[in-house]
């Protein structure tokens, strides 16, 4: 049996902090694989594939560009550092773009994000 424990609750009408994590991946296959693994680990409540982008950058002494897939992960404050490490260890890039910021979510959405990213308790 798997149980989930919600550690924090908020009263009605109070925004709830959540964490947004943005990264880019080289293709749709790697983006989908990372999204699936993240959801299975309950490190994100939702992963949005923002779509194809073209990035221009400095890399190893040259200016480069590449087509990428941009992804936005929504997680709880409690799981954000673990999500960052998870992405870093599974990302195909040598230096992956991982941008993290905290945002206020509506009460119902923020509570849902927190509930979906709770560690399961096995009893």
Protein backbone atom coordinates (compact mmCIF):
# COMPACT_ATOMS: atom_id res chain seq x y z
CA UNK A 1 0.00 0.00 0.00
CA UNK A 2 1.30 3.47 -0.87
CA UNK A 3 0.25 6.51 1.17
CA UNK A 4 1.00 10.16 0.54
CA UNK A 5 1.55 12.62 3.31
CA UNK A 6 0.88 16.31 2.67
CA UNK A 7 3.15 18.16 5.05
CA UNK A 8 1.94 21.71 4.50
CA UNK A 9 -1.54 23.16 4.07
CA UNK A 10 -2.66 26.67 3.22
CA UNK A 11 -5.85 28.46 4.03
CA UNK A 12 -8.23 29.44 1.26
CA UNK A 13 -7.26 32.53 -0.69
CA UNK A 14 -3.53 32.45 0.13
CA UNK A 15 -1.14 31.96 -2.76
CA UNK A 16 1.17 28.96 -2.46
CA UNK A 17 4.88 29.03 -3.38
CA UNK A 18 5.95 26.63 -6.13
CA UNK A 19 9.21 26.30 -8.02
CA UNK A 20 9.59 26.51 -11.79
CA UNK A 21 12.55 24.87 -13.50
CA UNK A 22 13.37 25.61 -17.13
CA UNK A 23 15.75 23.57 -19.26
CA UNK A 24 16.40 22.81 -22.91
CA UNK A 25 17.11 19.43 -24.47
CA UNK A 26 18.49 18.52 -27.89
CA UNK A 27 15.41 16.72 -29.20
CA UNK A 28 11.86 15.56 -28.48
CA UNK A 29 12.94 12.02 -27.55
CA UNK A 30 15.30 13.15 -24.77
CA UNK A 31 12.77 15.76 -23.62
CA UNK A 32 10.00 13.16 -23.31
CA UNK A 33 12.30 10.70 -21.54
CA UNK A 34 13.36 13.29 -18.96
CA UNK A 35 9.77 14.42 -18.41
CA UNK A 36 8.59 10.84 -17.89
CA UNK A 37 11.42 9.98 -15.48
CA UNK A 38 10.80 13.16 -13.49
CA UNK A 39 7.08 12.46 -13.17
CA UNK A 40 7.67 8.83 -12.20
CA UNK A 41 10.02 10.00 -9.43
CA UNK A 42 7.37 12.52 -8.28
CA UNK A 43 9.91 15.32 -8.58
CA UNK A 44 7.49 17.40 -10.63
CA UNK A 45 3.71 17.63 -10.65
CA UNK A 46 3.67 18.73 -14.27
CA UNK A 47 6.15 19.10 -17.10
CA UNK A 48 5.25 21.36 -20.00
CA UNK A 49 6.98 20.94 -23.34
CA UNK A 50 7.12 24.56 -24.45
CA UNK A 51 8.23 23.54 -27.91
CA UNK A 52 11.01 23.98 -30.37
CA UNK A 53 13.36 26.91 -29.88
CA UNK A 54 16.56 28.03 -31.54
CA UNK A 55 19.34 28.97 -29.14
CA UNK A 56 22.38 31.12 -29.97
CA UNK A 57 25.30 31.04 -27.55
CA UNK A 58 29.01 31.26 -26.83
CA UNK A 59 30.55 27.80 -26.37
CA UNK A 60 34.23 26.89 -26.09
CA UNK A 61 35.50 30.00 -27.84
CA UNK A 62 32.99 30.08 -30.69
CA UNK A 63 29.48 31.32 -31.32
CA UNK A 64 27.07 28.51 -31.97
CA UNK A 65 23.40 27.84 -32.46
CA UNK A 66 21.15 24.82 -32.24
CA UNK A 67 17.54 23.79 -32.31
CA UNK A 68 16.33 22.59 -28.93
CA UNK A 69 13.19 21.65 -27.03
CA UNK A 70 12.39 23.88 -24.08
CA UNK A 71 10.80 22.29 -20.99
CA UNK A 72 9.17 23.82 -17.90
CA UNK A 73 8.92 21.71 -14.73
CA UNK A 74 6.56 22.65 -11.89
CA UNK A 75 7.55 21.35 -8.47
CA UNK A 76 7.30 22.06 -4.76
CA UNK A 77 9.83 24.09 -2.80
CA UNK A 78 10.63 20.90 -0.85
CA UNK A 79 11.58 18.91 -3.98
CA UNK A 80 13.27 21.64 -6.05
CA UNK A 81 16.90 20.87 -5.15
CA UNK A 82 16.38 17.17 -5.74
CA UNK A 83 14.78 17.94 -9.11
CA UNK A 84 17.79 20.08 -10.07
CA UNK A 85 20.21 17.26 -9.22
CA UNK A 86 18.00 14.75 -11.07
CA UNK A 87 18.04 16.88 -14.23
CA UNK A 88 21.80 17.52 -13.97
CA UNK A 89 22.64 13.82 -13.72
CA UNK A 90 20.36 12.73 -16.59
CA UNK A 91 20.83 15.67 -18.96
CA UNK A 92 22.73 14.91 -22.19
CA UNK A 93 24.53 18.28 -22.27
CA UNK A 94 27.92 18.86 -20.66
CA UNK A 95 26.63 22.15 -19.20
CA UNK A 96 22.84 22.04 -19.19
CA UNK A 97 20.74 25.15 -18.89
CA UNK A 98 18.83 24.83 -15.63
CA UNK A 99 17.04 28.00 -14.53
CA UNK A 100 15.12 27.92 -11.27
CA UNK A 101 12.79 30.44 -9.70
CA UNK A 102 10.07 30.49 -7.09
CA UNK A 103 6.61 31.74 -8.01
CA UNK A 104 3.32 32.26 -6.24
CA UNK A 105 0.63 29.90 -7.49
CA UNK A 106 -3.10 30.08 -6.95
CA UNK A 107 -4.11 28.20 -3.81
CA UNK A 108 -5.66 25.23 -5.60
CA UNK A 109 -2.83 24.84 -8.13
CA UNK A 110 -0.11 25.27 -5.53
CA UNK A 111 -1.71 22.73 -3.22
CA UNK A 112 -1.99 20.30 -6.14
CA UNK A 113 1.73 20.75 -7.00
CA UNK A 114 2.68 20.11 -3.37
CA UNK A 115 0.42 17.07 -3.09
CA UNK A 116 1.70 15.49 -6.31
CA UNK A 117 5.35 15.92 -5.39
CA UNK A 118 5.14 14.39 -1.91
CA UNK A 119 7.35 11.39 -1.26
CA UNK A 120 5.24 8.24 -1.01
CA UNK A 121 5.23 6.50 2.35
CA UNK A 122 5.32 2.72 2.01
CA UNK A 123 3.51 1.02 4.86
